[in-house]
Amino acid sequence: MTKDDVFKLLVLIESVYPNCTVKDETVQLWFQSCPEMDLEKVMVKLKNYIRKSPFPPTISDIAVFSYEESDFPNIVQEWMKKGRERVECDSSKRRPIPAWLAEYSPRKSV
């Protein structure tokens, strides 16, 4: 977002919440916080916030930061695939079941 976008955003907040007056320090904080945000997403979040809350929003109420894609889901998928192999590997190393427990166990080998 540019400074003009932030200014328009603050004007909108002041027009919706008449008791809210934005100080110079507040404007500076918004200018510092908003360059990384996407204007369209912030406006959508602000409109939803206005519908729900009688109080003016803080930066954290309407902030929408872009995030970097990570390969975390791929790592989890690989771990799950290897999990089957780990389970099968561990099952070959099992100790035999005691005779007294074998009749109640779903495992076939004793």
PDB file of N, CA and C in Angstrom:
ATOM      1  N   MET A   1       0.838  -1.184   0.000  1.00  0.00           N
ATOM      2  CA  MET A   1       0.000   0.000   0.000  1.00  0.00           C
ATOM      3  C   MET A   1       0.881   1.244   0.000  1.00  0.00           C
ATOM      4  N   THR A   2       0.431   2.251  -0.689  1.00  0.00           N
ATOM      5  CA  THR A   2       1.148   3.521  -0.720  1.00  0.00           C
ATOM      6  C   THR A   2       0.630   4.416   0.402  1.00  0.00           C
ATOM      7  N   LYS A   3       1.295   5.547   0.595  1.00  0.00           N
ATOM      8  CA  LYS A   3       0.842   6.487   1.625  1.00  0.00           C
ATOM      9  C   LYS A   3      -0.532   7.048   1.279  1.00  0.00           C
ATOM     10  N   ASP A   4      -0.796   7.244  -0.003  1.00  0.00           N
ATOM     11  CA  ASP A   4      -2.126   7.718  -0.405  1.00  0.00           C
ATOM     12  C   ASP A   4      -3.207   6.701  -0.048  1.00  0.00           C
ATOM     13  N   ASP A   5      -2.899   5.428  -0.235  1.00  0.00           N
ATOM     14  CA  ASP A   5      -3.852   4.377   0.120  1.00  0.00           C
ATOM     15  C   ASP A   5      -4.113   4.362   1.621  1.00  0.00           C
ATOM     16  N   VAL A   6      -3.047   4.507   2.395  1.00  0.00           N
ATOM     17  CA  VAL A   6      -3.195   4.545   3.855  1.00  0.00           C
ATOM     18  C   VAL A   6      -4.021   5.759   4.266  1.00  0.00           C
ATOM     19  N   PHE A   7      -3.764   6.888   3.625  1.00  0.00           N
ATOM     20  CA  PHE A   7      -4.516   8.102   3.932  1.00  0.00           C
ATOM     21  C   PHE A   7      -6.003   7.899   3.627  1.00  0.00           C
ATOM     22  N   LYS A   8      -6.320   7.311   2.493  1.00  0.00           N
ATOM     23  CA  LYS A   8      -7.718   7.038   2.135  1.00  0.00           C
ATOM     24  C   LYS A   8      -8.357   6.074   3.125  1.00  0.00           C
ATOM     25  N   LEU A   9      -7.593   5.108   3.550  1.00  0.00           N
ATOM     26  CA  LEU A   9      -8.079   4.137   4.527  1.00  0.00           C
ATOM     27  C   LEU A   9      -8.427   4.822   5.845  1.00  0.00           C
ATOM     28  N   LEU A  10      -7.542   5.697   6.304  1.00  0.00           N
ATOM     29  CA  LEU A  10      -7.789   6.403   7.563  1.00  0.00           C
ATOM     30  C   LEU A  10      -8.959   7.377   7.436  1.00  0.00           C
ATOM     31  N   VAL A  11      -9.113   8.005   6.284  1.00  0.00           N
ATOM     32  CA  VAL A  11     -10.261   8.894   6.061  1.00  0.00           C
ATOM     33  C   VAL A  11     -11.556   8.085   6.107  1.00  0.00           C
ATOM     34  N   LEU A  12     -11.541   6.912   5.515  1.00  0.00           N
ATOM     35  CA  LEU A  12     -12.717   6.042   5.565  1.00  0.00           C
ATOM     36  C   LEU A  12     -13.048   5.653   6.998  1.00  0.00           C
ATOM     37  N   ILE A  13     -12.040   5.301   7.767  1.00  0.00           N
ATOM     38  CA  ILE A  13     -12.266   4.928   9.170  1.00  0.00           C
ATOM     39  C   ILE A  13     -12.847   6.107   9.942  1.00  0.00           C
ATOM     40  N   GLU A  14     -12.311   7.305   9.722  1.00  0.00           N
ATOM     41  CA  GLU A  14     -12.842   8.491  10.412  1.00  0.00           C
ATOM     42  C   GLU A  14     -14.271   8.803   9.987  1.00  0.00           C
ATOM     43  N   SER A  15     -14.606   8.557   8.740  1.00  0.00           N
ATOM     44  CA  SER A  15     -15.967   8.853   8.291  1.00  0.00           C
ATOM     45  C   SER A  15     -16.976   7.842   8.832  1.00  0.00           C
ATOM     46  N   VAL A  16     -16.556   6.607   8.998  1.00  0.00           N
ATOM     47  CA  VAL A  16     -17.459   5.583   9.525  1.00  0.00           C
ATOM     48  C   VAL A  16     -17.599   5.700  11.040  1.00  0.00           C
ATOM     49  N   TYR A  17     -16.518   6.035  11.708  1.00  0.00           N
ATOM     50  CA  TYR A  17     -16.516   6.164  13.165  1.00  0.00           C
ATOM     51  C   TYR A  17     -16.315   7.641  13.516  1.00  0.00           C
ATOM     52  N   PRO A  18     -17.402   8.401  13.685  1.00  0.00           N
ATOM     53  CA  PRO A  18     -17.286   9.855  13.878  1.00  0.00           C
ATOM     54  C   PRO A  18     -16.536  10.264  15.148  1.00  0.00           C
ATOM     55  N   ASN A  19     -16.539   9.439  16.156  1.00  0.00           N
ATOM     56  CA  ASN A  19     -15.840   9.782  17.398  1.00  0.00           C
ATOM     57  C   ASN A  19     -14.343   9.492  17.318  1.00  0.00           C
ATOM     58  N   CYS A  20     -13.904   8.928  16.236  1.00  0.00           N
ATOM     59  CA  CYS A  20     -12.496   8.577  16.060  1.00  0.00           C
ATOM     60  C   CYS A  20     -11.770   9.717  15.360  1.00  0.00           C
ATOM     61  N   THR A  21     -10.766  10.253  16.022  1.00  0.00           N
ATOM     62  CA  THR A  21      -9.906  11.252  15.389  1.00  0.00           C
ATOM     63  C   THR A  21      -8.494  10.683  15.345  1.00  0.00           C
ATOM     64  N   VAL A  22      -7.900  10.735  14.198  1.00  0.00           N
ATOM     65  CA  VAL A  22      -6.580  10.144  13.999  1.00  0.00           C
ATOM     66  C   VAL A  22      -5.511  11.196  14.255  1.00  0.00           C
ATOM     67  N   LYS A  23      -4.598  10.875  15.163  1.00  0.00           N
ATOM     68  CA  LYS A  23      -3.506  11.792  15.503  1.00  0.00           C
ATOM     69  C   LYS A  23      -2.343  11.597  14.534  1.00  0.00           C
ATOM     70  N   ASP A  24      -1.416  12.535  14.544  1.00  0.00           N
ATOM     71  CA  ASP A  24      -0.245  12.461  13.670  1.00  0.00           C
ATOM     72  C   ASP A  24       0.597  11.215  13.953  1.00  0.00           C
ATOM     73  N   GLU A  25       0.737  10.867  15.237  1.00  0.00           N
ATOM     74  CA  GLU A  25       1.519   9.683  15.597  1.00  0.00           C
ATOM     75  C   GLU A  25       0.866   8.422  15.037  1.00  0.00           C
ATOM     76  N   THR A  26      -0.453   8.405  15.088  1.00  0.00           N
ATOM     77  CA  THR A  26      -1.187   7.253  14.570  1.00  0.00           C
ATOM     78  C   THR A  26      -0.978   7.116  13.068  1.00  0.00           C
ATOM     79  N   VAL A  27      -1.030   8.229  12.370  1.00  0.00           N
ATOM     80  CA  VAL A  27      -0.817   8.210  10.922  1.00  0.00           C
ATOM     81  C   VAL A  27       0.584   7.694  10.607  1.00  0.00           C
ATOM     82  N   GLN A  28       1.570   8.137  11.353  1.00  0.00           N
ATOM     83  CA  GLN A  28       2.944   7.684  11.126  1.00  0.00           C
ATOM     84  C   GLN A  28       3.079   6.174  11.359  1.00  0.00           C
ATOM     85  N   LEU A  29       2.426   5.676  12.407  1.00  0.00           N
ATOM     86  CA  LEU A  29       2.466   4.239  12.675  1.00  0.00           C
ATOM     87  C   LEU A  29       1.816   3.444  11.546  1.00  0.00           C
ATOM     88  N   TRP A  30       0.706   3.949  11.047  1.00  0.00           N
ATOM     89  CA  TRP A  30       0.035   3.277   9.930  1.00  0.00           C
ATOM     90  C   TRP A  30       0.925   3.310   8.687  1.00  0.00           C
ATOM     91  N   PHE A  31       1.590   4.437   8.447  1.00  0.00           N
ATOM     92  CA  PHE A  31       2.490   4.533   7.297  1.00  0.00           C
ATOM     93  C   PHE A  31       3.617   3.509   7.401  1.00  0.00           C
ATOM     94  N   GLN A  32       4.121   3.299   8.607  1.00  0.00           N
ATOM     95  CA  GLN A  32       5.211   2.345   8.811  1.00  0.00           C
ATOM     96  C   GLN A  32       4.742   0.899   8.659  1.00  0.00           C
ATOM     97  N   SER A  33       3.516   0.634   9.051  1.00  0.00           N
ATOM     98  CA  SER A  33       3.027  -0.746   9.086  1.00  0.00           C
ATOM     99  C   SER A  33       2.417  -1.227   7.780  1.00  0.00           C
ATOM    100  N   CYS A  34       1.926  -0.334   6.976  1.00  0.00           N
ATOM    101  CA  CYS A  34       1.110  -0.738   5.833  1.00  0.00           C
ATOM    102  C   CYS A  34       1.810  -0.966   4.497  1.00  0.00           C
ATOM    103  N   PRO A  35       3.057  -0.593   4.274  1.00  0.00           N
ATOM    104  CA  PRO A  35       3.639  -0.809   2.936  1.00  0.00           C
ATOM    105  C   PRO A  35       3.662  -2.270   2.482  1.00  0.00           C
ATOM    106  N   GLU A  36       3.738  -3.212   3.400  1.00  0.00           N
ATOM    107  CA  GLU A  36       3.789  -4.624   3.023  1.00  0.00           C
ATOM    108  C   GLU A  36       2.418  -5.219   2.753  1.00  0.00           C
ATOM    109  N   MET A  37       1.363  -4.470   3.034  1.00  0.00           N
ATOM    110  CA  MET A  37       0.006  -5.007   2.921  1.00  0.00           C
ATOM    111  C   MET A  37      -0.580  -4.778   1.530  1.00  0.00           C
ATOM    112  N   ASP A  38      -1.531  -5.632   1.186  1.00  0.00           N
ATOM    113  CA  ASP A  38      -2.251  -5.526  -0.078  1.00  0.00           C
ATOM    114  C   ASP A  38      -3.533  -4.727   0.162  1.00  0.00           C
ATOM    115  N   LEU A  39      -3.725  -3.648  -0.591  1.00  0.00           N
ATOM    116  CA  LEU A  39      -4.851  -2.737  -0.376  1.00  0.00           C
ATOM    117  C   LEU A  39      -6.193  -3.440  -0.511  1.00  0.00           C
ATOM    118  N   GLU A  40      -6.369  -4.242  -1.526  1.00  0.00           N
ATOM    119  CA  GLU A  40      -7.663  -4.893  -1.742  1.00  0.00           C
ATOM    120  C   GLU A  40      -8.028  -5.807  -0.582  1.00  0.00           C
ATOM    121  N   LYS A  41      -7.072  -6.578  -0.111  1.00  0.00           N
ATOM    122  CA  LYS A  41      -7.341  -7.493   1.002  1.00  0.00           C
ATOM    123  C   LYS A  41      -7.625  -6.726   2.287  1.00  0.00           C
ATOM    124  N   VAL A  42      -6.905  -5.629   2.497  1.00  0.00           N
ATOM    125  CA  VAL A  42      -7.135  -4.803   3.687  1.00  0.00           C
ATOM    126  C   VAL A  42      -8.531  -4.183   3.630  1.00  0.00           C
ATOM    127  N   MET A  43      -8.943  -3.720   2.458  1.00  0.00           N
ATOM    128  CA  MET A  43     -10.272  -3.117   2.325  1.00  0.00           C
ATOM    129  C   MET A  43     -11.373  -4.139   2.583  1.00  0.00           C
ATOM    130  N   VAL A  44     -11.199  -5.345   2.104  1.00  0.00           N
ATOM    131  CA  VAL A  44     -12.185  -6.400   2.369  1.00  0.00           C
ATOM    132  C   VAL A  44     -12.275  -6.665   3.865  1.00  0.00           C
ATOM    133  N   LYS A  45     -11.119  -6.756   4.503  1.00  0.00           N
ATOM    134  CA  LYS A  45     -11.108  -7.018   5.942  1.00  0.00           C
ATOM    135  C   LYS A  45     -11.695  -5.841   6.717  1.00  0.00           C
ATOM    136  N   LEU A  46     -11.429  -4.617   6.265  1.00  0.00           N
ATOM    137  CA  LEU A  46     -11.985  -3.436   6.926  1.00  0.00           C
ATOM    138  C   LEU A  46     -13.501  -3.411   6.792  1.00  0.00           C
ATOM    139  N   LYS A  47     -14.021  -3.714   5.625  1.00  0.00           N
ATOM    140  CA  LYS A  47     -15.477  -3.721   5.432  1.00  0.00           C
ATOM    141  C   LYS A  47     -16.141  -4.762   6.323  1.00  0.00           C
ATOM    142  N   ASN A  48     -15.534  -5.925   6.440  1.00  0.00           N
ATOM    143  CA  ASN A  48     -16.067  -6.945   7.347  1.00  0.00           C
ATOM    144  C   ASN A  48     -16.001  -6.475   8.791  1.00  0.00           C
ATOM    145  N   TYR A  49     -14.916  -5.809   9.136  1.00  0.00           N
ATOM    146  CA  TYR A  49     -14.758  -5.300  10.498  1.00  0.00           C
ATOM    147  C   TYR A  49     -15.818  -4.247  10.804  1.00  0.00           C
ATOM    148  N   ILE A  50     -16.069  -3.353   9.851  1.00  0.00           N
ATOM    149  CA  ILE A  50     -17.061  -2.284  10.047  1.00  0.00           C
ATOM    150  C   ILE A  50     -18.443  -2.881  10.288  1.00  0.00           C
ATOM    151  N   ARG A  51     -18.774  -3.951   9.603  1.00  0.00           N
ATOM    152  CA  ARG A  51     -20.078  -4.597   9.787  1.00  0.00           C
ATOM    153  C   ARG A  51     -20.239  -5.172  11.187  1.00  0.00           C
ATOM    154  N   LYS A  52     -19.145  -5.598  11.781  1.00  0.00           N
ATOM    155  CA  LYS A  52     -19.220  -6.328  13.047  1.00  0.00           C
ATOM    156  C   LYS A  52     -18.945  -5.490  14.286  1.00  0.00           C
ATOM    157  N   SER A  53     -18.144  -4.436  14.157  1.00  0.00           N
ATOM    158  CA  SER A  53     -17.675  -3.753  15.360  1.00  0.00           C
ATOM    159  C   SER A  53     -18.097  -2.293  15.409  1.00  0.00           C
ATOM    160  N   PRO A  54     -18.552  -1.845  16.578  1.00  0.00           N
ATOM    161  CA  PRO A  54     -18.896  -0.432  16.739  1.00  0.00           C
ATOM    162  C   PRO A  54     -17.676   0.439  17.066  1.00  0.00           C
ATOM    163  N   PHE A  55     -16.510  -0.179  17.213  1.00  0.00           N
ATOM    164  CA  PHE A  55     -15.301   0.547  17.584  1.00  0.00           C
ATOM    165  C   PHE A  55     -14.342   0.632  16.400  1.00  0.00           C
ATOM    166  N   PRO A  56     -13.561   1.700  16.311  1.00  0.00           N
ATOM    167  CA  PRO A  56     -12.611   1.816  15.202  1.00  0.00           C
ATOM    168  C   PRO A  56     -11.541   0.725  15.274  1.00  0.00           C
ATOM    169  N   PRO A  57     -11.058   0.280  14.131  1.00  0.00           N
ATOM    170  CA  PRO A  57     -10.086  -0.819  14.124  1.00  0.00           C
ATOM    171  C   PRO A  57      -8.673  -0.365  14.470  1.00  0.00           C
ATOM    172  N   THR A  58      -7.916  -1.289  14.974  1.00  0.00           N
ATOM    173  CA  THR A  58      -6.480  -1.079  15.132  1.00  0.00           C
ATOM    174  C   THR A  58      -5.794  -1.670  13.903  1.00  0.00           C
ATOM    175  N   ILE A  59      -4.511  -1.471  13.809  1.00  0.00           N
ATOM    176  CA  ILE A  59      -3.780  -2.016  12.663  1.00  0.00           C
ATOM    177  C   ILE A  59      -3.916  -3.538  12.628  1.00  0.00           C
ATOM    178  N   SER A  60      -3.808  -4.158  13.773  1.00  0.00           N
ATOM    179  CA  SER A  60      -3.861  -5.621  13.807  1.00  0.00           C
ATOM    180  C   SER A  60      -5.238  -6.169  13.449  1.00  0.00           C
ATOM    181  N   ASP A  61      -6.275  -5.365  13.616  1.00  0.00           N
ATOM    182  CA  ASP A  61      -7.620  -5.821  13.272  1.00  0.00           C
ATOM    183  C   ASP A  61      -7.813  -5.993  11.771  1.00  0.00           C
ATOM    184  N   ILE A  62      -7.149  -5.178  10.979  1.00  0.00           N
ATOM    185  CA  ILE A  62      -7.379  -5.224   9.532  1.00  0.00           C
ATOM    186  C   ILE A  62      -6.123  -5.554   8.730  1.00  0.00           C
ATOM    187  N   ALA A  63      -5.035  -5.860   9.394  1.00  0.00           N
ATOM    188  CA  ALA A  63      -3.778  -6.141   8.691  1.00  0.00           C
ATOM    189  C   ALA A  63      -3.869  -7.453   7.917  1.00  0.00           C
ATOM    190  N   VAL A  64      -3.364  -7.426   6.695  1.00  0.00           N
ATOM    191  CA  VAL A  64      -3.270  -8.619   5.863  1.00  0.00           C
ATOM    192  C   VAL A  64      -1.892  -8.604   5.218  1.00  0.00           C
ATOM    193  N   PHE A  65      -1.011  -9.445   5.713  1.00  0.00           N
ATOM    194  CA  PHE A  65       0.343  -9.507   5.181  1.00  0.00           C
ATOM    195  C   PHE A  65       0.448 -10.657   4.195  1.00  0.00           C
ATOM    196  N   SER A  66       1.197 -10.442   3.147  1.00  0.00           N
ATOM    197  CA  SER A  66       1.437 -11.530   2.205  1.00  0.00           C
ATOM    198  C   SER A  66       2.454 -12.469   2.840  1.00  0.00           C
ATOM    199  N   TYR A  67       2.340 -13.723   2.533  1.00  0.00           N
ATOM    200  CA  TYR A  67       3.258 -14.700   3.100  1.00  0.00           C
ATOM    201  C   TYR A  67       3.965 -15.433   1.976  1.00  0.00           C
ATOM    202  N   GLU A  68       5.123 -15.924   2.296  1.00  0.00           N
ATOM    203  CA  GLU A  68       5.893 -16.667   1.311  1.00  0.00           C
ATOM    204  C   GLU A  68       5.443 -18.121   1.323  1.00  0.00           C
ATOM    205  N   GLU A  69       5.366 -18.676   0.137  1.00  0.00           N
ATOM    206  CA  GLU A  69       5.014 -20.086   0.025  1.00  0.00           C
ATOM    207  C   GLU A  69       6.148 -20.917   0.624  1.00  0.00           C
ATOM    208  N   SER A  70       5.787 -21.901   1.383  1.00  0.00           N
ATOM    209  CA  SER A  70       6.811 -22.793   1.927  1.00  0.00           C
ATOM    210  C   SER A  70       6.536 -24.203   1.434  1.00  0.00           C
ATOM    211  N   ASP A  71       7.523 -25.034   1.548  1.00  0.00           N
ATOM    212  CA  ASP A  71       7.340 -26.412   1.124  1.00  0.00           C
ATOM    213  C   ASP A  71       6.985 -27.301   2.307  1.00  0.00           C
ATOM    214  N   PHE A  72       6.452 -26.711   3.370  1.00  0.00           N
ATOM    215  CA  PHE A  72       6.087 -27.478   4.551  1.00  0.00           C
ATOM    216  C   PHE A  72       5.079 -28.585   4.233  1.00  0.00           C
ATOM    217  N   PRO A  73       4.004 -28.308   3.468  1.00  0.00           N
ATOM    218  CA  PRO A  73       3.080 -29.407   3.154  1.00  0.00           C
ATOM    219  C   PRO A  73       3.761 -30.552   2.406  1.00  0.00           C
ATOM    220  N   ASN A  74       4.706 -30.229   1.537  1.00  0.00           N
ATOM    221  CA  ASN A  74       5.425 -31.283   0.819  1.00  0.00           C
ATOM    222  C   ASN A  74       6.256 -32.124   1.773  1.00  0.00           C
ATOM    223  N   ILE A  75       6.866 -31.474   2.745  1.00  0.00           N
ATOM    224  CA  ILE A  75       7.669 -32.196   3.734  1.00  0.00           C
ATOM    225  C   ILE A  75       6.783 -33.152   4.530  1.00  0.00           C
ATOM    226  N   VAL A  76       5.600 -32.684   4.903  1.00  0.00           N
ATOM    227  CA  VAL A  76       4.670 -33.524   5.661  1.00  0.00           C
ATOM    228  C   VAL A  76       4.219 -34.710   4.811  1.00  0.00           C
ATOM    229  N   GLN A  77       3.922 -34.462   3.529  1.00  0.00           N
ATOM    230  CA  GLN A  77       3.503 -35.541   2.629  1.00  0.00           C
ATOM    231  C   GLN A  77       4.592 -36.611   2.535  1.00  0.00           C
ATOM    232  N   GLU A  78       5.835 -36.177   2.374  1.00  0.00           N
ATOM    233  CA  GLU A  78       6.939 -37.134   2.292  1.00  0.00           C
ATOM    234  C   GLU A  78       7.078 -37.917   3.588  1.00  0.00           C
ATOM    235  N   TRP A  79       6.922 -37.238   4.717  1.00  0.00           N
ATOM    236  CA  TRP A  79       7.038 -37.907   6.005  1.00  0.00           C
ATOM    237  C   TRP A  79       5.946 -38.958   6.150  1.00  0.00           C
ATOM    238  N   MET A  80       4.725 -38.627   5.675  1.00  0.00           N
ATOM    239  CA  MET A  80       3.619 -39.583   5.775  1.00  0.00           C
ATOM    240  C   MET A  80       3.879 -40.807   4.891  1.00  0.00           C
ATOM    241  N   LYS A  81       4.431 -40.594   3.702  1.00  0.00           N
ATOM    242  CA  LYS A  81       4.751 -41.724   2.826  1.00  0.00           C
ATOM    243  C   LYS A  81       5.815 -42.610   3.465  1.00  0.00           C
ATOM    244  N   LYS A  82       6.816 -41.985   4.048  1.00  0.00           N
ATOM    245  CA  LYS A  82       7.873 -42.750   4.698  1.00  0.00           C
ATOM    246  C   LYS A  82       7.365 -43.409   5.973  1.00  0.00           C
ATOM    247  N   GLY A  83       6.287 -42.866   6.531  1.00  0.00           N
ATOM    248  CA  GLY A  83       5.712 -43.432   7.744  1.00  0.00           C
ATOM    249  C   GLY A  83       5.275 -44.865   7.547  1.00  0.00           C
ATOM    250  N   ARG A  84       4.696 -45.155   6.384  1.00  0.00           N
ATOM    251  CA  ARG A  84       4.285 -46.531   6.094  1.00  0.00           C
ATOM    252  C   ARG A  84       5.492 -47.459   6.118  1.00  0.00           C
ATOM    253  N   GLU A  85       6.571 -46.999   5.519  1.00  0.00           N
ATOM    254  CA  GLU A  85       7.790 -47.806   5.500  1.00  0.00           C
ATOM    255  C   GLU A  85       8.331 -47.996   6.913  1.00  0.00           C
ATOM    256  N   ARG A  86       8.259 -46.937   7.731  1.00  0.00           N
ATOM    257  CA  ARG A  86       8.742 -47.051   9.110  1.00  0.00           C
ATOM    258  C   ARG A  86       7.908 -48.059   9.881  1.00  0.00           C
ATOM    259  N   VAL A  87       6.591 -48.006   9.697  1.00  0.00           N
ATOM    260  CA  VAL A  87       5.711 -48.927  10.419  1.00  0.00           C
ATOM    261  C   VAL A  87       5.979 -50.359   9.982  1.00  0.00           C
ATOM    262  N   GLU A  88       6.112 -50.569   8.673  1.00  0.00           N
ATOM    263  CA  GLU A  88       6.397 -51.914   8.177  1.00  0.00           C
ATOM    264  C   GLU A  88       7.755 -52.401   8.656  1.00  0.00           C
ATOM    265  N   CYS A  89       8.714 -51.513   8.700  1.00  0.00           N
ATOM    266  CA  CYS A  89      10.047 -51.870   9.175  1.00  0.00           C
ATOM    267  C   CYS A  89       9.992 -52.245  10.651  1.00  0.00           C
ATOM    268  N   ASP A  90       9.261 -51.480  11.435  1.00  0.00           N
ATOM    269  CA  ASP A  90       9.151 -51.754  12.860  1.00  0.00           C
ATOM    270  C   ASP A  90       8.399 -53.054  13.121  1.00  0.00           C
ATOM    271  N   SER A  91       7.436 -53.392  12.272  1.00  0.00           N
ATOM    272  CA  SER A  91       6.663 -54.607  12.513  1.00  0.00           C
ATOM    273  C   SER A  91       7.518 -55.858  12.310  1.00  0.00           C
ATOM    274  N   SER A  92       8.558 -55.766  11.503  1.00  0.00           N
ATOM    275  CA  SER A  92       9.426 -56.930  11.313  1.00  0.00           C
ATOM    276  C   SER A  92      10.337 -57.145  12.519  1.00  0.00           C
ATOM    277  N   LYS A  93      10.491 -56.141  13.348  1.00  0.00           N
ATOM    278  CA  LYS A  93      11.369 -56.236  14.514  1.00  0.00           C
ATOM    279  C   LYS A  93      10.600 -56.544  15.801  1.00  0.00           C
ATOM    280  N   ARG A  94       9.343 -56.895  15.672  1.00  0.00           N
ATOM    281  CA  ARG A  94       8.534 -57.148  16.871  1.00  0.00           C
ATOM    282  C   ARG A  94       9.000 -58.400  17.606  1.00  0.00           C
ATOM    283  N   ARG A  95       8.814 -58.345  18.896  1.00  0.00           N
ATOM    284  CA  ARG A  95       9.078 -59.527  19.704  1.00  0.00           C
ATOM    285  C   ARG A  95       7.862 -60.449  19.626  1.00  0.00           C
ATOM    286  N   PRO A  96       8.057 -61.702  19.815  1.00  0.00           N
ATOM    287  CA  PRO A  96       6.912 -62.622  19.763  1.00  0.00           C
ATOM    288  C   PRO A  96       5.934 -62.358  20.911  1.00  0.00           C
ATOM    289  N   ILE A  97       4.682 -62.670  20.658  1.00  0.00           N
ATOM    290  CA  ILE A  97       3.641 -62.483  21.668  1.00  0.00           C
ATOM    291  C   ILE A  97       3.692 -63.671  22.627  1.00  0.00           C
ATOM    292  N   PRO A  98       3.547 -63.421  23.917  1.00  0.00           N
ATOM    293  CA  PRO A  98       3.500 -64.542  24.867  1.00  0.00           C
ATOM    294  C   PRO A  98       2.301 -65.445  24.561  1.00  0.00           C
ATOM    295  N   ALA A  99       2.443 -66.693  24.860  1.00  0.00           N
ATOM    296  CA  ALA A  99       1.406 -67.678  24.540  1.00  0.00           C
ATOM    297  C   ALA A  99       0.075 -67.336  25.202  1.00  0.00           C
ATOM    298  N   TRP A 100       0.124 -66.848  26.431  1.00  0.00           N
ATOM    299  CA  TRP A 100      -1.123 -66.544  27.133  1.00  0.00           C
ATOM    300  C   TRP A 100      -1.879 -65.379  26.493  1.00  0.00           C
ATOM    301  N   LEU A 101      -1.177 -64.502  25.741  1.00  0.00           N
ATOM    302  CA  LEU A 101      -1.802 -63.348  25.107  1.00  0.00           C
ATOM    303  C   LEU A 101      -2.158 -63.613  23.646  1.00  0.00           C
ATOM    304  N   ALA A 102      -1.570 -64.655  23.069  1.00  0.00           N
ATOM    305  CA  ALA A 102      -1.739 -64.921  21.642  1.00  0.00           C
ATOM    306  C   ALA A 102      -3.193 -65.172  21.261  1.00  0.00           C
ATOM    307  N   GLU A 103      -3.954 -65.842  22.134  1.00  0.00           N
ATOM    308  CA  GLU A 103      -5.341 -66.147  21.771  1.00  0.00           C
ATOM    309  C   GLU A 103      -6.220 -64.894  21.709  1.00  0.00           C
ATOM    310  N   TYR A 104      -5.815 -63.795  22.365  1.00  0.00           N
ATOM    311  CA  TYR A 104      -6.602 -62.559  22.350  1.00  0.00           C
ATOM    312  C   TYR A 104      -6.091 -61.534  21.342  1.00  0.00           C
ATOM    313  N   SER A 105      -4.953 -61.799  20.748  1.00  0.00           N
ATOM    314  CA  SER A 105      -4.313 -60.830  19.867  1.00  0.00           C
ATOM    315  C   SER A 105      -4.787 -60.985  18.423  1.00  0.00           C
ATOM    316  N   PRO A 106      -4.963 -59.874  17.704  1.00  0.00           N
ATOM    317  CA  PRO A 106      -5.316 -59.972  16.285  1.00  0.00           C
ATOM    318  C   PRO A 106      -4.120 -60.373  15.416  1.00  0.00           C
ATOM    319  N   ARG A 107      -2.903 -60.286  15.983  1.00  0.00           N
ATOM    320  CA  ARG A 107      -1.724 -60.712  15.223  1.00  0.00           C
ATOM    321  C   ARG A 107      -1.734 -62.223  15.068  1.00  0.00           C
ATOM    322  N   LYS A 108      -1.322 -62.679  13.913  1.00  0.00           N
ATOM    323  CA  LYS A 108      -1.367 -64.118  13.628  1.00  0.00           C
ATOM    324  C   LYS A 108      -0.174 -64.871  14.201  1.00  0.00           C
ATOM    325  N   SER A 109       0.990 -64.243  14.189  1.00  0.00           N
ATOM    326  CA  SER A 109       2.183 -64.968  14.637  1.00  0.00           C
ATOM    327  C   SER A 109       2.312 -64.917  16.143  1.00  0.00           C
ATOM    328  N   VAL A 110       2.909 -65.955  16.680  1.00  0.00           N
ATOM    329  CA  VAL A 110       3.109 -66.041  18.115  1.00  0.00           C
ATOM    330  C   VAL A 110       4.549 -65.821  18.454  1.00  0.00           C
TER     331      VAL A 110
END
